[in-house]
N, C-alpha and C. Protein backbone atom coordinates (compact mmCIF):
# COMPACT_ATOMS: atom_id res chain seq x y z
N MET A 1 -35.57 -15.69 35.70
CA MET A 1 -35.13 -15.03 34.48
C MET A 1 -35.52 -13.57 34.55
N ARG A 2 -34.54 -12.72 34.56
CA ARG A 2 -34.71 -11.30 34.74
C ARG A 2 -35.25 -10.62 33.49
N ASN A 3 -36.45 -10.11 33.54
CA ASN A 3 -37.01 -9.25 32.49
C ASN A 3 -36.89 -9.85 31.09
N ARG A 4 -36.97 -11.15 30.99
CA ARG A 4 -36.76 -11.81 29.71
C ARG A 4 -37.80 -11.42 28.66
N ILE A 5 -39.02 -11.21 29.06
CA ILE A 5 -40.08 -10.92 28.11
C ILE A 5 -39.86 -9.56 27.43
N ASN A 6 -39.37 -8.57 28.17
CA ASN A 6 -39.20 -7.23 27.64
C ASN A 6 -37.86 -7.00 26.97
N THR A 7 -36.96 -7.94 27.03
CA THR A 7 -35.63 -7.77 26.45
C THR A 7 -35.60 -8.38 25.06
N PRO A 8 -35.40 -7.55 24.01
CA PRO A 8 -35.36 -8.11 22.66
C PRO A 8 -34.12 -8.98 22.47
N ALA A 9 -34.26 -10.01 21.66
CA ALA A 9 -33.12 -10.87 21.37
C ALA A 9 -32.07 -10.08 20.59
N ARG A 10 -30.81 -10.29 20.92
CA ARG A 10 -29.73 -9.63 20.20
C ARG A 10 -29.58 -10.27 18.83
N LEU A 11 -29.29 -9.44 17.85
CA LEU A 11 -29.01 -9.95 16.51
C LEU A 11 -27.56 -10.42 16.48
N PRO A 12 -27.30 -11.65 16.03
CA PRO A 12 -25.93 -12.17 16.08
C PRO A 12 -24.98 -11.38 15.18
N LEU A 13 -23.78 -11.20 15.67
CA LEU A 13 -22.67 -10.58 14.94
C LEU A 13 -22.87 -9.10 14.63
N LEU A 14 -23.85 -8.44 15.21
CA LEU A 14 -24.04 -7.02 14.99
C LEU A 14 -23.73 -6.28 16.28
N SER A 15 -23.09 -5.15 16.16
CA SER A 15 -22.87 -4.32 17.33
C SER A 15 -24.21 -3.74 17.78
N GLN A 16 -24.24 -3.24 18.99
CA GLN A 16 -25.46 -2.63 19.49
C GLN A 16 -25.83 -1.41 18.64
N THR A 17 -24.83 -0.65 18.20
CA THR A 17 -25.09 0.51 17.35
C THR A 17 -25.72 0.09 16.03
N ALA A 18 -25.20 -0.97 15.40
CA ALA A 18 -25.75 -1.45 14.13
C ALA A 18 -27.18 -1.95 14.33
N GLU A 19 -27.43 -2.62 15.44
CA GLU A 19 -28.78 -3.10 15.72
C GLU A 19 -29.76 -1.93 15.90
N HIS A 20 -29.34 -0.92 16.66
CA HIS A 20 -30.19 0.27 16.82
C HIS A 20 -30.41 0.96 15.49
N ALA A 21 -29.36 1.04 14.67
CA ALA A 21 -29.48 1.69 13.37
C ALA A 21 -30.49 0.96 12.48
N LEU A 22 -30.40 -0.35 12.43
CA LEU A 22 -31.34 -1.13 11.62
C LEU A 22 -32.77 -0.97 12.12
N ARG A 23 -32.96 -1.02 13.42
CA ARG A 23 -34.30 -0.87 13.96
C ARG A 23 -34.87 0.51 13.66
N ALA A 24 -34.01 1.54 13.76
CA ALA A 24 -34.45 2.90 13.47
C ALA A 24 -34.81 3.05 11.99
N ILE A 25 -33.99 2.50 11.11
CA ILE A 25 -34.26 2.56 9.68
C ILE A 25 -35.58 1.85 9.36
N LEU A 26 -35.81 0.72 10.00
CA LEU A 26 -37.07 0.00 9.77
C LEU A 26 -38.26 0.82 10.25
N TYR A 27 -38.11 1.49 11.38
CA TYR A 27 -39.19 2.35 11.87
C TYR A 27 -39.46 3.48 10.87
N LEU A 28 -38.39 4.12 10.40
CA LEU A 28 -38.55 5.19 9.43
C LEU A 28 -39.12 4.65 8.11
N GLY A 29 -38.71 3.45 7.72
CA GLY A 29 -39.24 2.84 6.50
C GLY A 29 -40.73 2.55 6.58
N ARG A 30 -41.18 2.09 7.74
CA ARG A 30 -42.61 1.82 7.94
C ARG A 30 -43.42 3.11 7.97
N ASN A 31 -42.77 4.22 8.30
CA ASN A 31 -43.46 5.50 8.45
C ASN A 31 -43.02 6.52 7.40
N GLN A 32 -42.50 6.06 6.27
CA GLN A 32 -41.91 6.99 5.30
C GLN A 32 -42.91 7.95 4.68
N GLY A 33 -44.18 7.67 4.69
CA GLY A 33 -45.16 8.58 4.13
C GLY A 33 -45.47 9.77 5.03
N ARG A 34 -44.97 9.75 6.25
CA ARG A 34 -45.26 10.81 7.21
C ARG A 34 -44.30 11.99 7.12
N GLY A 35 -43.27 11.91 6.33
CA GLY A 35 -42.29 12.99 6.26
C GLY A 35 -41.23 12.82 7.34
N LEU A 36 -40.72 13.95 7.83
CA LEU A 36 -39.65 13.91 8.82
C LEU A 36 -40.18 13.45 10.18
N ILE A 37 -39.39 12.61 10.84
CA ILE A 37 -39.77 12.08 12.15
C ILE A 37 -38.67 12.42 13.14
N ALA A 38 -39.06 12.97 14.27
CA ALA A 38 -38.10 13.39 15.30
C ALA A 38 -37.36 12.19 15.89
N ALA A 39 -36.09 12.40 16.21
CA ALA A 39 -35.28 11.35 16.83
C ALA A 39 -35.89 10.88 18.14
N THR A 40 -36.50 11.79 18.89
CA THR A 40 -37.12 11.40 20.16
C THR A 40 -38.27 10.42 19.94
N GLU A 41 -39.04 10.61 18.87
CA GLU A 41 -40.13 9.67 18.57
C GLU A 41 -39.58 8.30 18.23
N VAL A 42 -38.53 8.26 17.41
CA VAL A 42 -37.92 6.98 17.03
C VAL A 42 -37.39 6.28 18.28
N ALA A 43 -36.67 7.03 19.13
CA ALA A 43 -36.10 6.44 20.34
C ALA A 43 -37.19 5.89 21.25
N GLU A 44 -38.26 6.64 21.41
CA GLU A 44 -39.35 6.18 22.26
C GLU A 44 -40.00 4.92 21.69
N ALA A 45 -40.22 4.90 20.39
CA ALA A 45 -40.85 3.74 19.76
C ALA A 45 -39.99 2.48 19.89
N LEU A 46 -38.67 2.67 19.87
CA LEU A 46 -37.76 1.53 19.94
C LEU A 46 -37.33 1.18 21.35
N GLY A 47 -37.61 2.08 22.30
CA GLY A 47 -37.13 1.87 23.66
C GLY A 47 -35.62 2.03 23.75
N ALA A 48 -35.07 2.91 22.92
CA ALA A 48 -33.63 3.15 22.87
C ALA A 48 -33.28 4.45 23.61
N PRO A 49 -32.06 4.56 24.11
CA PRO A 49 -31.65 5.82 24.75
C PRO A 49 -31.69 6.96 23.73
N PRO A 50 -32.42 8.04 24.02
CA PRO A 50 -32.61 9.12 23.04
C PRO A 50 -31.31 9.76 22.54
N ASN A 51 -30.38 10.08 23.43
CA ASN A 51 -29.14 10.73 22.99
C ASN A 51 -28.30 9.80 22.11
N TYR A 52 -28.23 8.55 22.50
CA TYR A 52 -27.47 7.55 21.75
C TYR A 52 -28.08 7.35 20.36
N LEU A 53 -29.40 7.24 20.31
CA LEU A 53 -30.06 7.03 19.03
C LEU A 53 -29.93 8.26 18.14
N ALA A 54 -30.06 9.46 18.72
CA ALA A 54 -29.91 10.68 17.92
C ALA A 54 -28.53 10.75 17.29
N LYS A 55 -27.52 10.36 18.03
CA LYS A 55 -26.14 10.33 17.49
C LYS A 55 -26.04 9.34 16.34
N THR A 56 -26.66 8.18 16.49
CA THR A 56 -26.65 7.16 15.44
C THR A 56 -27.39 7.65 14.20
N LEU A 57 -28.52 8.32 14.39
CA LEU A 57 -29.28 8.86 13.26
C LEU A 57 -28.49 9.94 12.53
N ARG A 58 -27.80 10.78 13.28
CA ARG A 58 -26.96 11.82 12.64
C ARG A 58 -25.85 11.18 11.81
N LEU A 59 -25.25 10.10 12.32
CA LEU A 59 -24.21 9.39 11.57
C LEU A 59 -24.79 8.81 10.28
N LEU A 60 -25.98 8.23 10.36
CA LEU A 60 -26.62 7.69 9.16
C LEU A 60 -26.93 8.80 8.15
N ALA A 61 -27.25 9.98 8.65
CA ALA A 61 -27.50 11.12 7.75
C ALA A 61 -26.19 11.56 7.09
N ARG A 62 -25.11 11.62 7.86
CA ARG A 62 -23.81 12.01 7.28
C ARG A 62 -23.36 11.01 6.21
N LYS A 63 -23.71 9.73 6.39
CA LYS A 63 -23.32 8.69 5.43
C LYS A 63 -24.28 8.60 4.25
N GLY A 64 -25.34 9.42 4.24
CA GLY A 64 -26.25 9.45 3.11
C GLY A 64 -27.38 8.44 3.14
N VAL A 65 -27.53 7.71 4.24
CA VAL A 65 -28.62 6.75 4.35
C VAL A 65 -29.92 7.47 4.71
N LEU A 66 -29.81 8.49 5.54
CA LEU A 66 -30.96 9.30 5.95
C LEU A 66 -30.77 10.73 5.48
N ARG A 67 -31.86 11.46 5.44
CA ARG A 67 -31.77 12.91 5.29
C ARG A 67 -32.29 13.48 6.60
N SER A 68 -31.78 14.64 6.94
CA SER A 68 -32.19 15.24 8.21
C SER A 68 -32.37 16.73 8.05
N VAL A 69 -33.23 17.27 8.90
CA VAL A 69 -33.46 18.71 8.98
C VAL A 69 -33.44 19.05 10.46
N ARG A 70 -32.67 20.07 10.80
CA ARG A 70 -32.56 20.50 12.19
C ARG A 70 -33.65 21.50 12.54
N GLY A 71 -33.88 21.65 13.83
CA GLY A 71 -34.79 22.67 14.31
C GLY A 71 -36.22 22.21 14.47
N PRO A 72 -37.09 23.17 14.84
CA PRO A 72 -38.51 22.83 15.02
C PRO A 72 -39.10 22.27 13.72
N GLY A 73 -39.83 21.20 13.84
CA GLY A 73 -40.40 20.56 12.66
C GLY A 73 -39.41 19.70 11.91
N GLY A 74 -38.18 19.64 12.40
CA GLY A 74 -37.14 18.83 11.76
C GLY A 74 -37.25 17.38 12.16
N GLY A 75 -36.33 16.61 11.65
CA GLY A 75 -36.30 15.19 11.97
C GLY A 75 -35.54 14.42 10.92
N PHE A 76 -35.87 13.15 10.80
CA PHE A 76 -35.15 12.25 9.90
C PHE A 76 -36.12 11.51 8.99
N ALA A 77 -35.64 11.18 7.82
CA ALA A 77 -36.39 10.36 6.86
C ALA A 77 -35.38 9.61 6.00
N LEU A 78 -35.82 8.56 5.35
CA LEU A 78 -34.93 7.83 4.44
C LEU A 78 -34.46 8.77 3.33
N ALA A 79 -33.19 8.67 2.97
CA ALA A 79 -32.63 9.52 1.91
C ALA A 79 -32.97 9.00 0.53
N ARG A 80 -33.27 7.72 0.43
CA ARG A 80 -33.62 7.07 -0.83
C ARG A 80 -34.82 6.17 -0.58
N PRO A 81 -35.45 5.69 -1.63
CA PRO A 81 -36.54 4.74 -1.42
C PRO A 81 -36.06 3.51 -0.63
N ALA A 82 -36.94 2.92 0.15
CA ALA A 82 -36.59 1.76 0.96
C ALA A 82 -36.08 0.60 0.11
N THR A 83 -36.50 0.54 -1.15
CA THR A 83 -36.03 -0.52 -2.06
C THR A 83 -34.56 -0.34 -2.44
N ALA A 84 -34.04 0.89 -2.27
CA ALA A 84 -32.67 1.20 -2.69
C ALA A 84 -31.68 1.21 -1.53
N ILE A 85 -32.12 0.83 -0.33
CA ILE A 85 -31.24 0.81 0.84
C ILE A 85 -31.16 -0.63 1.32
N SER A 86 -29.96 -1.19 1.31
CA SER A 86 -29.80 -2.57 1.79
C SER A 86 -29.52 -2.57 3.29
N ALA A 87 -29.83 -3.69 3.91
CA ALA A 87 -29.51 -3.84 5.33
C ALA A 87 -28.01 -3.71 5.54
N ALA A 88 -27.22 -4.22 4.61
CA ALA A 88 -25.76 -4.13 4.73
C ALA A 88 -25.29 -2.68 4.68
N ALA A 89 -25.93 -1.84 3.86
CA ALA A 89 -25.54 -0.42 3.78
C ALA A 89 -25.75 0.27 5.12
N VAL A 90 -26.81 -0.11 5.83
CA VAL A 90 -27.07 0.49 7.14
C VAL A 90 -25.99 0.07 8.13
N VAL A 91 -25.70 -1.22 8.16
CA VAL A 91 -24.68 -1.74 9.09
C VAL A 91 -23.32 -1.14 8.77
N GLU A 92 -22.95 -1.11 7.49
CA GLU A 92 -21.65 -0.58 7.09
C GLU A 92 -21.54 0.91 7.36
N ALA A 93 -22.65 1.63 7.38
CA ALA A 93 -22.61 3.07 7.67
C ALA A 93 -22.23 3.36 9.11
N VAL A 94 -22.54 2.44 10.01
CA VAL A 94 -22.26 2.70 11.43
C VAL A 94 -21.14 1.84 12.00
N ASP A 95 -20.76 0.80 11.32
CA ASP A 95 -19.73 -0.12 11.83
C ASP A 95 -18.66 -0.38 10.78
N GLU A 96 -17.48 -0.66 11.26
CA GLU A 96 -16.43 -1.20 10.40
C GLU A 96 -16.60 -2.71 10.47
N VAL A 97 -17.23 -3.30 9.46
CA VAL A 97 -17.51 -4.73 9.52
C VAL A 97 -16.55 -5.57 8.68
N SER A 98 -15.78 -4.95 7.83
CA SER A 98 -14.92 -5.74 6.95
C SER A 98 -13.71 -6.31 7.68
N ALA A 99 -13.19 -5.62 8.65
CA ALA A 99 -12.04 -6.12 9.40
C ALA A 99 -12.10 -5.54 10.81
N PRO A 100 -11.78 -6.35 11.81
CA PRO A 100 -11.78 -5.82 13.16
C PRO A 100 -10.66 -4.79 13.32
N ALA A 101 -10.86 -3.83 14.21
CA ALA A 101 -9.83 -2.81 14.44
C ALA A 101 -8.58 -3.44 15.03
N ASN A 102 -8.76 -4.41 15.90
CA ASN A 102 -7.63 -5.09 16.52
C ASN A 102 -7.63 -6.55 16.09
N CYS A 103 -6.45 -7.10 16.03
CA CYS A 103 -6.28 -8.51 15.68
C CYS A 103 -7.06 -9.36 16.67
N LEU A 104 -7.75 -10.36 16.17
CA LEU A 104 -8.51 -11.25 17.03
C LEU A 104 -7.61 -12.08 17.93
N LEU A 105 -6.35 -12.24 17.56
CA LEU A 105 -5.45 -13.11 18.31
C LEU A 105 -4.42 -12.37 19.16
N GLY A 106 -4.46 -11.06 19.19
CA GLY A 106 -3.43 -10.38 19.97
C GLY A 106 -3.68 -8.90 20.12
N ASN A 107 -2.72 -8.22 20.69
CA ASN A 107 -2.82 -6.79 20.99
C ASN A 107 -2.16 -5.93 19.91
N ARG A 108 -2.51 -6.17 18.68
CA ARG A 108 -2.00 -5.35 17.58
C ARG A 108 -3.17 -5.03 16.66
N GLY A 109 -2.99 -4.08 15.80
CA GLY A 109 -4.02 -3.75 14.83
C GLY A 109 -4.18 -4.86 13.81
N CYS A 110 -5.37 -4.97 13.26
CA CYS A 110 -5.61 -5.93 12.20
C CYS A 110 -4.90 -5.42 10.95
N ASP A 111 -4.06 -6.25 10.35
CA ASP A 111 -3.27 -5.84 9.20
C ASP A 111 -3.42 -6.86 8.07
N PRO A 112 -4.25 -6.55 7.07
CA PRO A 112 -4.45 -7.49 5.97
C PRO A 112 -3.16 -7.79 5.20
N GLN A 113 -2.18 -6.88 5.24
CA GLN A 113 -0.89 -7.11 4.57
C GLN A 113 -0.02 -8.11 5.33
N ASN A 114 -0.26 -8.22 6.64
CA ASN A 114 0.48 -9.15 7.49
C ASN A 114 -0.55 -9.89 8.36
N PRO A 115 -1.37 -10.75 7.74
CA PRO A 115 -2.51 -11.34 8.45
C PRO A 115 -2.09 -12.39 9.48
N CYS A 116 -2.92 -12.49 10.51
CA CYS A 116 -2.75 -13.54 11.51
C CYS A 116 -3.43 -14.81 10.99
N GLU A 117 -3.37 -15.86 11.78
CA GLU A 117 -3.95 -17.14 11.38
C GLU A 117 -5.48 -17.07 11.25
N ALA A 118 -6.12 -16.19 11.99
CA ALA A 118 -7.57 -16.10 11.98
C ALA A 118 -8.11 -15.19 10.88
N HIS A 119 -7.26 -14.40 10.25
CA HIS A 119 -7.71 -13.35 9.34
C HIS A 119 -8.55 -13.86 8.17
N ALA A 120 -8.08 -14.85 7.45
CA ALA A 120 -8.80 -15.34 6.27
C ALA A 120 -10.15 -15.92 6.66
N ARG A 121 -10.20 -16.67 7.75
CA ARG A 121 -11.47 -17.25 8.18
C ARG A 121 -12.45 -16.15 8.62
N TRP A 122 -11.93 -15.12 9.30
CA TRP A 122 -12.80 -14.04 9.75
C TRP A 122 -13.37 -13.28 8.55
N GLU A 123 -12.54 -13.03 7.53
CA GLU A 123 -13.02 -12.37 6.31
C GLU A 123 -14.12 -13.19 5.65
N GLU A 124 -13.93 -14.49 5.57
CA GLU A 124 -14.93 -15.37 4.95
C GLU A 124 -16.23 -15.35 5.77
N LEU A 125 -16.13 -15.40 7.07
CA LEU A 125 -17.31 -15.35 7.93
C LEU A 125 -18.05 -14.02 7.73
N THR A 126 -17.31 -12.94 7.67
CA THR A 126 -17.91 -11.62 7.46
C THR A 126 -18.63 -11.55 6.12
N ARG A 127 -18.01 -12.08 5.07
CA ARG A 127 -18.65 -12.11 3.75
C ARG A 127 -19.94 -12.93 3.79
N ARG A 128 -19.91 -14.07 4.47
CA ARG A 128 -21.10 -14.92 4.55
C ARG A 128 -22.24 -14.23 5.30
N VAL A 129 -21.89 -13.47 6.33
CA VAL A 129 -22.91 -12.75 7.10
C VAL A 129 -23.47 -11.59 6.29
N LEU A 130 -22.61 -10.85 5.60
CA LEU A 130 -23.05 -9.67 4.87
C LEU A 130 -23.77 -9.98 3.57
N ARG A 131 -23.45 -11.08 2.93
CA ARG A 131 -24.05 -11.39 1.63
C ARG A 131 -25.58 -11.35 1.66
N PRO A 132 -26.24 -12.03 2.59
CA PRO A 132 -27.71 -11.94 2.60
C PRO A 132 -28.20 -10.53 2.94
N MET A 133 -27.44 -9.80 3.73
CA MET A 133 -27.83 -8.43 4.08
C MET A 133 -27.70 -7.50 2.87
N GLU A 134 -26.75 -7.79 1.99
CA GLU A 134 -26.59 -6.98 0.77
C GLU A 134 -27.76 -7.20 -0.18
N ASP A 135 -28.33 -8.40 -0.14
CA ASP A 135 -29.44 -8.75 -1.03
C ASP A 135 -30.81 -8.45 -0.42
N THR A 136 -30.82 -7.88 0.78
CA THR A 136 -32.07 -7.59 1.48
C THR A 136 -32.24 -6.09 1.64
N SER A 137 -33.30 -5.56 1.06
CA SER A 137 -33.55 -4.12 1.17
C SER A 137 -34.39 -3.83 2.41
N ILE A 138 -34.42 -2.59 2.79
CA ILE A 138 -35.28 -2.16 3.89
C ILE A 138 -36.73 -2.43 3.52
N ALA A 139 -37.09 -2.24 2.26
CA ALA A 139 -38.45 -2.54 1.81
C ALA A 139 -38.79 -4.01 2.03
N ASP A 140 -37.82 -4.90 1.77
CA ASP A 140 -38.05 -6.32 2.02
C ASP A 140 -38.37 -6.57 3.49
N LEU A 141 -37.63 -5.91 4.37
CA LEU A 141 -37.80 -6.14 5.81
C LEU A 141 -39.07 -5.53 6.37
N VAL A 142 -39.57 -4.48 5.76
CA VAL A 142 -40.83 -3.89 6.26
C VAL A 142 -42.03 -4.43 5.51
N GLY A 143 -41.81 -5.39 4.60
CA GLY A 143 -42.91 -6.07 3.94
C GLY A 143 -43.51 -5.34 2.77
N GLU A 144 -42.73 -4.48 2.12
CA GLU A 144 -43.25 -3.78 0.93
C GLU A 144 -43.10 -4.65 -0.31
């Protein structure tokens, strides 16, 4: 088994970007009293690629989940209290989770107006996955 001990388990049904975003938000949530934290520190703490994570953090800042300051002494912090940010808000900020971009059954775009046979079941599955995430705040996950 190749490097099994050092490889974190993948979170089911989340893209790699959403997983990195959640882990970064949790790191920032655990360290929210420290002020702004550099993207390089977050990447190092998570073992994530620094450029990839910095791009994800900037996206979270554009979506209003994080606040950011550029330049020396800059970094990222939660934009709102950890109790006011749901896990679903983090995932939805970086992923389109409500409908796949392409139809699951073919080479066309997903079209809710002209759904395929899998569309209704996929929507229900997505709702079931997101519902607990909507009811779970970052504060809940960091044990506040």
